[in-house]
Amino acid sequence: RVPPTQDLLPGTTVRAEIDTTRPRAVLSLPRS
């Protein structure tokens, strides 16, 4: 569901980034 906006027109193809972040925090480091 998207809010009313002028940035999306019906029929438009979109790329979606779904945030599937886990609720727990962990010790993490940059990949490098």
Full PDB file with SEQRES, HELIX, SHEET, SSBOND, CRYST1, ORIGX, SCALE, CONECT and MASTER records, all heavy atoms in Angstrom:
SEQRES   1 A   32  ARG VAL PRO PRO THR GLN ASP LEU LEU PRO GLY THR THR          
SEQRES   2 A   32  VAL ARG ALA GLU ILE ASP THR THR ARG PRO ARG ALA VAL          
SEQRES   3 A   32  LEU SER LEU PRO ARG SER                                      
CRYST1    1.000    1.000    1.000  90.00  90.00  90.00 P 1           1          
ORIGX1      1.000000  0.000000  0.000000        0.00000                         
ORIGX2      0.000000  1.000000  0.000000        0.00000                         
ORIGX3      0.000000  0.000000  1.000000        0.00000                         
SCALE1      1.000000  0.000000  0.000000        0.00000                         
SCALE2      0.000000  1.000000  0.000000        0.00000                         
SCALE3      0.000000  0.000000  1.000000        0.00000                         
ATOM      1  N   ARG A   1       0.862  -1.189   0.000  1.00  0.00           N  
ATOM      2  CA  ARG A   1       0.000   0.000   0.000  1.00  0.00           C  
ATOM      3  C   ARG A   1       0.894   1.234   0.000  1.00  0.00           C  
ATOM      4  O   ARG A   1       1.842   1.326   0.770  1.00  0.00           O  
ATOM      5  CB  ARG A   1      -0.909  -0.002   1.228  1.00  0.00           C  
ATOM      6  CG  ARG A   1      -1.743   1.271   1.423  1.00  0.00           C  
ATOM      7  CD  ARG A   1      -2.716   1.515   0.293  1.00  0.00           C  
ATOM      8  NE  ARG A   1      -3.607   0.394   0.074  1.00  0.00           N  
ATOM      9  CZ  ARG A   1      -4.724   0.208   0.777  1.00  0.00           C  
ATOM     10  NH1 ARG A   1      -5.060   1.035   1.742  1.00  0.00           N  
ATOM     11  NH2 ARG A   1      -5.498  -0.822   0.510  1.00  0.00           N  
ATOM     12  N   VAL A   2       0.597   2.162  -0.898  1.00  0.00           N  
ATOM     13  CA  VAL A   2       1.397   3.382  -0.996  1.00  0.00           C  
ATOM     14  C   VAL A   2       0.513   4.586  -0.730  1.00  0.00           C  
ATOM     15  O   VAL A   2      -0.682   4.580  -1.040  1.00  0.00           O  
ATOM     16  CB  VAL A   2       2.066   3.501  -2.382  1.00  0.00           C  
ATOM     17  CG1 VAL A   2       3.069   2.398  -2.578  1.00  0.00           C  
ATOM     18  CG2 VAL A   2       1.039   3.461  -3.502  1.00  0.00           C  
ATOM     19  N   PRO A   3       1.066   5.651  -0.152  1.00  0.00           N  
ATOM     20  CA  PRO A   3       0.278   6.856   0.110  1.00  0.00           C  
ATOM     21  C   PRO A   3       0.009   7.613  -1.182  1.00  0.00           C  
ATOM     22  O   PRO A   3       0.688   7.385  -2.200  1.00  0.00           O  
ATOM     23  CB  PRO A   3       1.192   7.662   1.044  1.00  0.00           C  
ATOM     24  CG  PRO A   3       2.578   7.238   0.650  1.00  0.00           C  
ATOM     25  CD  PRO A   3       2.461   5.783   0.279  1.00  0.00           C  
ATOM     26  N   PRO A   4      -0.968   8.524  -1.173  1.00  0.00           N  
ATOM     27  CA  PRO A   4      -1.211   9.346  -2.366  1.00  0.00           C  
ATOM     28  C   PRO A   4       0.054  10.117  -2.744  1.00  0.00           C  
ATOM     29  O   PRO A   4       0.670  10.765  -1.899  1.00  0.00           O  
ATOM     30  CB  PRO A   4      -2.340  10.286  -1.925  1.00  0.00           C  
ATOM     31  CG  PRO A   4      -3.008   9.578  -0.787  1.00  0.00           C  
ATOM     32  CD  PRO A   4      -1.927   8.813  -0.096  1.00  0.00           C  
ATOM     33  N   THR A   5       0.456  10.010  -3.997  1.00  0.00           N  
ATOM     34  CA  THR A   5       1.686  10.665  -4.439  1.00  0.00           C  
ATOM     35  C   THR A   5       1.620  10.899  -5.942  1.00  0.00           C  
ATOM     36  O   THR A   5       0.951  10.153  -6.668  1.00  0.00           O  
ATOM     37  CB  THR A   5       2.924   9.820  -4.094  1.00  0.00           C  
ATOM     38  OG1 THR A   5       4.084  10.446  -4.644  1.00  0.00           O  
ATOM     39  CG2 THR A   5       2.807   8.426  -4.669  1.00  0.00           C  
ATOM     40  N   GLN A   6       2.329  11.913  -6.390  1.00  0.00           N  
ATOM     41  CA  GLN A   6       2.442  12.182  -7.816  1.00  0.00           C  
ATOM     42  C   GLN A   6       3.631  11.448  -8.425  1.00  0.00           C  
ATOM     43  O   GLN A   6       3.848  11.504  -9.641  1.00  0.00           O  
ATOM     44  CB  GLN A   6       2.594  13.690  -8.044  1.00  0.00           C  
ATOM     45  CG  GLN A   6       1.398  14.513  -7.579  1.00  0.00           C  
ATOM     46  CD  GLN A   6       0.118  14.164  -8.327  1.00  0.00           C  
ATOM     47  OE1 GLN A   6       0.135  13.936  -9.524  1.00  0.00           O  
ATOM     48  NE2 GLN A   6      -0.996  14.117  -7.616  1.00  0.00           N  
ATOM     49  N   ASP A   7       4.426  10.765  -7.594  1.00  0.00           N  
ATOM     50  CA  ASP A   7       5.639  10.110  -8.081  1.00  0.00           C  
ATOM     51  C   ASP A   7       5.378   8.719  -8.631  1.00  0.00           C  
ATOM     52  O   ASP A   7       6.278   8.109  -9.202  1.00  0.00           O  
ATOM     53  CB  ASP A   7       6.672  10.028  -6.945  1.00  0.00           C  
ATOM     54  CG  ASP A   7       7.189  11.398  -6.529  1.00  0.00           C  
ATOM     55  OD1 ASP A   7       7.294  12.271  -7.411  1.00  0.00           O  
ATOM     56  OD2 ASP A   7       7.467  11.593  -5.340  1.00  0.00           O  
ATOM     57  N   LEU A   8       4.173   8.198  -8.449  1.00  0.00           N  
ATOM     58  CA  LEU A   8       3.839   6.882  -8.974  1.00  0.00           C  
ATOM     59  C   LEU A   8       2.582   6.991  -9.829  1.00  0.00           C  
ATOM     60  O   LEU A   8       1.562   7.524  -9.383  1.00  0.00           O  
ATOM     61  CB  LEU A   8       3.603   5.878  -7.850  1.00  0.00           C  
ATOM     62  CG  LEU A   8       4.823   5.406  -7.061  1.00  0.00           C  
ATOM     63  CD1 LEU A   8       4.395   4.441  -5.969  1.00  0.00           C  
ATOM     64  CD2 LEU A   8       5.847   4.752  -7.963  1.00  0.00           C  
ATOM     65  N   LEU A   9       2.656   6.464 -11.040  1.00  0.00           N  
ATOM     66  CA  LEU A   9       1.512   6.467 -11.938  1.00  0.00           C  
ATOM     67  C   LEU A   9       1.035   5.036 -12.141  1.00  0.00           C  
ATOM     68  O   LEU A   9       1.855   4.106 -12.237  1.00  0.00           O  
ATOM     69  CB  LEU A   9       1.895   7.070 -13.291  1.00  0.00           C  
ATOM     70  CG  LEU A   9       2.349   8.532 -13.271  1.00  0.00           C  
ATOM     71  CD1 LEU A   9       2.787   8.963 -14.673  1.00  0.00           C  
ATOM     72  CD2 LEU A   9       1.237   9.435 -12.761  1.00  0.00           C  
ATOM     73  N   PRO A  10      -0.282   4.816 -12.202  1.00  0.00           N  
ATOM     74  CA  PRO A  10      -0.787   3.463 -12.439  1.00  0.00           C  
ATOM     75  C   PRO A  10      -0.197   2.877 -13.715  1.00  0.00           C  
ATOM     76  O   PRO A  10      -0.068   3.556 -14.733  1.00  0.00           O  
ATOM     77  CB  PRO A  10      -2.301   3.680 -12.564  1.00  0.00           C  
ATOM     78  CG  PRO A  10      -2.561   4.937 -11.796  1.00  0.00           C  
ATOM     79  CD  PRO A  10      -1.367   5.802 -12.014  1.00  0.00           C  
ATOM     80  N   GLY A  11       0.183   1.608 -13.630  1.00  0.00           N  
ATOM     81  CA  GLY A  11       0.785   0.933 -14.767  1.00  0.00           C  
ATOM     82  C   GLY A  11       2.299   0.965 -14.781  1.00  0.00           C  
ATOM     83  O   GLY A  11       2.936   0.292 -15.600  1.00  0.00           O  
ATOM     84  N   THR A  12       2.906   1.732 -13.856  1.00  0.00           N  
ATOM     85  CA  THR A  12       4.361   1.868 -13.818  1.00  0.00           C  
ATOM     86  C   THR A  12       5.020   0.602 -13.262  1.00  0.00           C  
ATOM     87  O   THR A  12       4.557   0.031 -12.283  1.00  0.00           O  
ATOM     88  CB  THR A  12       4.762   3.070 -12.946  1.00  0.00           C  
ATOM     89  OG1 THR A  12       4.177   4.258 -13.487  1.00  0.00           O  
ATOM     90  CG2 THR A  12       6.271   3.237 -12.906  1.00  0.00           C  
ATOM     91  N   THR A  13       6.124   0.205 -13.892  1.00  0.00           N  
ATOM     92  CA  THR A  13       6.952  -0.867 -13.344  1.00  0.00           C  
ATOM     93  C   THR A  13       7.890  -0.274 -12.300  1.00  0.00           C  
ATOM     94  O   THR A  13       8.482   0.781 -12.516  1.00  0.00           O  
ATOM     95  CB  THR A  13       7.777  -1.541 -14.449  1.00  0.00           C  
ATOM     96  OG1 THR A  13       6.883  -2.098 -15.416  1.00  0.00           O  
ATOM     97  CG2 THR A  13       8.649  -2.649 -13.882  1.00  0.00           C  
ATOM     98  N   VAL A  14       8.014  -0.932 -11.162  1.00  0.00           N  
ATOM     99  CA  VAL A  14       8.839  -0.417 -10.073  1.00  0.00           C  
ATOM    100  C   VAL A  14       9.810  -1.491  -9.594  1.00  0.00           C  
ATOM    101  O   VAL A  14       9.560  -2.690  -9.731  1.00  0.00           O  
ATOM    102  CB  VAL A  14       7.987   0.059  -8.879  1.00  0.00           C  
ATOM    103  CG1 VAL A  14       7.067   1.196  -9.278  1.00  0.00           C  
ATOM    104  CG2 VAL A  14       7.195  -1.084  -8.283  1.00  0.00           C  
ATOM    105  N   ARG A  15      10.923  -1.008  -9.051  1.00  0.00           N  
ATOM    106  CA  ARG A  15      11.857  -1.870  -8.313  1.00  0.00           C  
ATOM    107  C   ARG A  15      11.651  -1.595  -6.832  1.00  0.00           C  
ATOM    108  O   ARG A  15      11.649  -0.442  -6.410  1.00  0.00           O  
ATOM    109  CB  ARG A  15      13.305  -1.573  -8.717  1.00  0.00           C  
ATOM    110  CG  ARG A  15      14.348  -2.329  -7.883  1.00  0.00           C  
ATOM    111  CD  ARG A  15      15.750  -2.087  -8.431  1.00  0.00           C  
ATOM    112  NE  ARG A  15      16.066  -0.665  -8.478  1.00  0.00           N  
ATOM    113  CZ  ARG A  15      16.567   0.036  -7.473  1.00  0.00           C  
ATOM    114  NH1 ARG A  15      16.787  -0.556  -6.301  1.00  0.00           N  
ATOM    115  NH2 ARG A  15      16.844   1.316  -7.613  1.00  0.00           N  
ATOM    116  N   ALA A  16      11.456  -2.634  -6.063  1.00  0.00           N  
ATOM    117  CA  ALA A  16      11.150  -2.474  -4.639  1.00  0.00           C  
ATOM    118  C   ALA A  16      12.282  -3.024  -3.791  1.00  0.00           C  
ATOM    119  O   ALA A  16      12.817  -4.103  -4.068  1.00  0.00           O  
ATOM    120  CB  ALA A  16       9.850  -3.189  -4.289  1.00  0.00           C  
ATOM    121  N   GLU A  17      12.652  -2.263  -2.771  1.00  0.00           N  
ATOM    122  CA  GLU A  17      13.624  -2.716  -1.770  1.00  0.00           C  
ATOM    123  C   GLU A  17      12.864  -2.957  -0.472  1.00  0.00           C  
ATOM    124  O   GLU A  17      12.425  -2.022   0.195  1.00  0.00           O  
ATOM    125  CB  GLU A  17      14.726  -1.665  -1.562  1.00  0.00           C  
ATOM    126  CG  GLU A  17      15.516  -1.320  -2.824  1.00  0.00           C  
ATOM    127  CD  GLU A  17      16.342  -2.491  -3.335  1.00  0.00           C  
ATOM    128  OE1 GLU A  17      16.654  -3.373  -2.520  1.00  0.00           O  
ATOM    129  OE2 GLU A  17      16.673  -2.513  -4.534  1.00  0.00           O  
ATOM    130  N   ILE A  18      12.685  -4.217  -0.117  1.00  0.00           N  
ATOM    131  CA  ILE A  18      11.934  -4.587   1.080  1.00  0.00           C  
ATOM    132  C   ILE A  18      12.906  -4.713   2.242  1.00  0.00           C  
ATOM    133  O   ILE A  18      13.878  -5.475   2.168  1.00  0.00           O  
ATOM    134  CB  ILE A  18      11.190  -5.917   0.875  1.00  0.00           C  
ATOM    135  CG1 ILE A  18      10.318  -5.852  -0.382  1.00  0.00           C  
ATOM    136  CG2 ILE A  18      10.343  -6.247   2.099  1.00  0.00           C  
ATOM    137  CD1 ILE A  18       9.713  -7.185  -0.763  1.00  0.00           C  
ATOM    138  N   ASP A  19      12.666  -3.953   3.304  1.00  0.00           N  
ATOM    139  CA  ASP A  19      13.536  -4.000   4.477  1.00  0.00           C  
ATOM    140  C   ASP A  19      13.151  -5.193   5.334  1.00  0.00           C  
ATOM    141  O   ASP A  19      12.131  -5.190   6.020  1.00  0.00           O  
ATOM    142  CB  ASP A  19      13.407  -2.703   5.274  1.00  0.00           C  
ATOM    143  CG  ASP A  19      14.427  -2.614   6.411  1.00  0.00           C  
ATOM    144  OD1 ASP A  19      15.104  -3.632   6.670  1.00  0.00           O  
ATOM    145  OD2 ASP A  19      14.540  -1.551   7.037  1.00  0.00           O  
ATOM    146  N   THR A  20      13.978  -6.223   5.272  1.00  0.00           N  
ATOM    147  CA  THR A  20      13.714  -7.437   6.053  1.00  0.00           C  
ATOM    148  C   THR A  20      14.617  -7.505   7.275  1.00  0.00           C  
ATOM    149  O   THR A  20      14.958  -8.600   7.744  1.00  0.00           O  
ATOM    150  CB  THR A  20      13.918  -8.694   5.185  1.00  0.00           C  
ATOM    151  OG1 THR A  20      15.270  -8.711   4.693  1.00  0.00           O  
ATOM    152  CG2 THR A  20      12.962  -8.696   4.010  1.00  0.00           C  
ATOM    153  N   THR A  21      15.015  -6.346   7.814  1.00  0.00           N  
ATOM    154  CA  THR A  21      15.908  -6.276   8.962  1.00  0.00           C  
ATOM    155  C   THR A  21      15.386  -7.101  10.127  1.00  0.00           C  
ATOM    156  O   THR A  21      14.210  -7.022  10.486  1.00  0.00           O  
ATOM    157  CB  THR A  21      16.079  -4.817   9.423  1.00  0.00           C  
ATOM    158  OG1 THR A  21      16.631  -4.072   8.346  1.00  0.00           O  
ATOM    159  CG2 THR A  21      16.999  -4.725  10.619  1.00  0.00           C  
ATOM    160  N   ARG A  22      16.257  -7.889  10.725  1.00  0.00           N  
ATOM    161  CA  ARG A  22      15.857  -8.658  11.902  1.00  0.00           C  
ATOM    162  C   ARG A  22      15.695  -7.730  13.100  1.00  0.00           C  
ATOM    163  O   ARG A  22      16.412  -6.757  13.242  1.00  0.00           O  
ATOM    164  CB  ARG A  22      16.917  -9.712  12.221  1.00  0.00           C  
ATOM    165  CG  ARG A  22      17.027 -10.810  11.172  1.00  0.00           C  
ATOM    166  CD  ARG A  22      17.981 -11.876  11.618  1.00  0.00           C  
ATOM    167  NE  ARG A  22      18.042 -12.978  10.670  1.00  0.00           N  
ATOM    168  CZ  ARG A  22      18.753 -14.080  10.859  1.00  0.00           C  
ATOM    169  NH1 ARG A  22      19.460 -14.220  11.962  1.00  0.00           N  
ATOM    170  NH2 ARG A  22      18.766 -15.041   9.959  1.00  0.00           N  
ATOM    171  N   PRO A  23      14.770  -8.049  13.991  1.00  0.00           N  
ATOM    172  CA  PRO A  23      14.562  -7.170  15.142  1.00  0.00           C  
ATOM    173  C   PRO A  23      15.722  -7.152  16.130  1.00  0.00           C  
ATOM    174  O   PRO A  23      15.895  -6.213  16.870  1.00  0.00           O  
ATOM    175  CB  PRO A  23      13.299  -7.753  15.800  1.00  0.00           C  
ATOM    176  CG  PRO A  23      13.265  -9.184  15.340  1.00  0.00           C  
ATOM    177  CD  PRO A  23      13.828  -9.175  13.957  1.00  0.00           C  
ATOM    178  N   ARG A  24      16.576  -8.196  16.128  1.00  0.00           N  
ATOM    179  CA  ARG A  24      17.681  -8.235  17.091  1.00  0.00           C  
ATOM    180  C   ARG A  24      18.901  -7.512  16.533  1.00  0.00           C  
ATOM    181  O   ARG A  24      19.138  -7.486  15.328  1.00  0.00           O  
ATOM    182  CB  ARG A  24      18.050  -9.680  17.418  1.00  0.00           C  
ATOM    183  CG  ARG A  24      18.576 -10.463  16.222  1.00  0.00           C  
ATOM    184  CD  ARG A  24      18.821 -11.908  16.589  1.00  0.00           C  
ATOM    185  NE  ARG A  24      19.350 -12.666  15.464  1.00  0.00           N  
ATOM    186  CZ  ARG A  24      20.642 -12.797  15.202  1.00  0.00           C  
ATOM    187  NH1 ARG A  24      21.531 -12.215  15.992  1.00  0.00           N  
ATOM    188  NH2 ARG A  24      21.066 -13.501  14.164  1.00  0.00           N  
ATOM    189  N   ALA A  25      19.693  -6.925  17.426  1.00  0.00           N  
ATOM    190  CA  ALA A  25      20.943  -6.276  17.049  1.00  0.00           C  
ATOM    191  C   ALA A  25      22.095  -7.251  17.272  1.00  0.00           C  
ATOM    192  O   ALA A  25      22.065  -8.067  18.196  1.00  0.00           O  
ATOM    193  CB  ALA A  25      21.151  -5.008  17.867  1.00  0.00           C  
ATOM    194  N   VAL A  26      23.113  -7.172  16.419  1.00  0.00           N  
ATOM    195  CA  VAL A  26      24.249  -8.083  16.507  1.00  0.00           C  
ATOM    196  C   VAL A  26      25.538  -7.288  16.335  1.00  0.00           C  
ATOM    197  O   VAL A  26      25.534  -6.148  15.883  1.00  0.00           O  
ATOM    198  CB  VAL A  26      24.170  -9.177  15.415  1.00  0.00           C  
ATOM    199  CG1 VAL A  26      22.967 -10.066  15.623  1.00  0.00           C  
ATOM    200  CG2 VAL A  26      24.132  -8.540  14.030  1.00  0.00           C  
ATOM    201  N   LEU A  27      26.662  -7.921  16.715  1.00  0.00           N  
ATOM    202  CA  LEU A  27      27.954  -7.303  16.477  1.00  0.00           C  
ATOM    203  C   LEU A  27      28.258  -7.476  14.991  1.00  0.00           C  
ATOM    204  O   LEU A  27      28.256  -8.603  14.478  1.00  0.00           O  
ATOM    205  CB  LEU A  27      29.036  -7.963  17.322  1.00  0.00           C  
ATOM    206  CG  LEU A  27      30.398  -7.250  17.336  1.00  0.00           C  
ATOM    207  CD1 LEU A  27      31.068  -7.415  18.693  1.00  0.00           C  
ATOM    208  CD2 LEU A  27      31.307  -7.780  16.245  1.00  0.00           C  
ATOM    209  N   SER A  28      28.484  -6.370  14.307  1.00  0.00           N  
ATOM    210  CA  SER A  28      28.720  -6.436  12.875  1.00  0.00           C  
ATOM    211  C   SER A  28      29.907  -5.566  12.494  1.00  0.00           C  
ATOM    212  O   SER A  28      30.265  -4.616  13.200  1.00  0.00           O  
ATOM    213  CB  SER A  28      27.475  -5.972  12.100  1.00  0.00           C  
ATOM    214  OG  SER A  28      27.211  -4.603  12.356  1.00  0.00           O  
ATOM    215  N   LEU A  29      30.532  -5.933  11.362  1.00  0.00           N  
ATOM    216  CA  LEU A  29      31.689  -5.220  10.840  1.00  0.00           C  
ATOM    217  C   LEU A  29      31.475  -4.945   9.359  1.00  0.00           C  
ATOM    218  O   LEU A  29      30.729  -5.673   8.683  1.00  0.00           O  
ATOM    219  CB  LEU A  29      32.960  -6.063  11.009  1.00  0.00           C  
ATOM    220  CG  LEU A  29      33.392  -6.385  12.440  1.00  0.00           C  
ATOM    221  CD1 LEU A  29      34.560  -7.382  12.402  1.00  0.00           C  
ATOM    222  CD2 LEU A  29      33.791  -5.117  13.187  1.00  0.00           C  
ATOM    223  N   PRO A  30      32.130  -3.926   8.823  1.00  0.00           N  
ATOM    224  CA  PRO A  30      32.071  -3.711   7.368  1.00  0.00           C  
ATOM    225  C   PRO A  30      32.598  -4.938   6.629  1.00  0.00           C  
ATOM    226  O   PRO A  30      33.484  -5.647   7.124  1.00  0.00           O  
ATOM    227  CB  PRO A  30      32.976  -2.498   7.152  1.00  0.00           C  
ATOM    228  CG  PRO A  30      33.026  -1.801   8.470  1.00  0.00           C  
ATOM    229  CD  PRO A  30      32.922  -2.880   9.505  1.00  0.00           C  
ATOM    230  N   ARG A  31      32.060  -5.192   5.456  1.00  0.00           N  
ATOM    231  CA  ARG A  31      32.497  -6.356   4.684  1.00  0.00           C  
ATOM    232  C   ARG A  31      33.988  -6.309   4.405  1.00  0.00           C  
ATOM    233  O   ARG A  31      34.654  -7.343   4.314  1.00  0.00           O  
ATOM    234  CB  ARG A  31      31.720  -6.433   3.366  1.00  0.00           C  
ATOM    235  CG  ARG A  31      30.229  -6.643   3.525  1.00  0.00           C  
ATOM    236  CD  ARG A  31      29.564  -6.827   2.189  1.00  0.00           C  
ATOM    237  NE  ARG A  31      29.928  -8.106   1.576  1.00  0.00           N  
ATOM    238  CZ  ARG A  31      29.555  -8.469   0.356  1.00  0.00           C  
ATOM    239  NH1 ARG A  31      28.835  -7.645  -0.379  1.00  0.00           N  
ATOM    240  NH2 ARG A  31      29.909  -9.637  -0.134  1.00  0.00           N  
ATOM    241  N   SER A  32      34.534  -5.089   4.239  1.00  0.00           N  
ATOM    242  CA  SER A  32      35.959  -4.954   3.921  1.00  0.00           C  
ATOM    243  C   SER A  32      36.854  -5.429   5.056  1.00  0.00           C  
ATOM    244  O   SER A  32      38.040  -5.699   4.836  1.00  0.00           O  
ATOM    245  CB  SER A  32      36.278  -3.490   3.596  1.00  0.00           C  
ATOM    246  OG  SER A  32      35.991  -2.650   4.720  1.00  0.00           O  
TER     247      SER A  32                                                      
MASTER        0    0    0    0    0    0    0    6  246    1    0    3          
END                                                                             
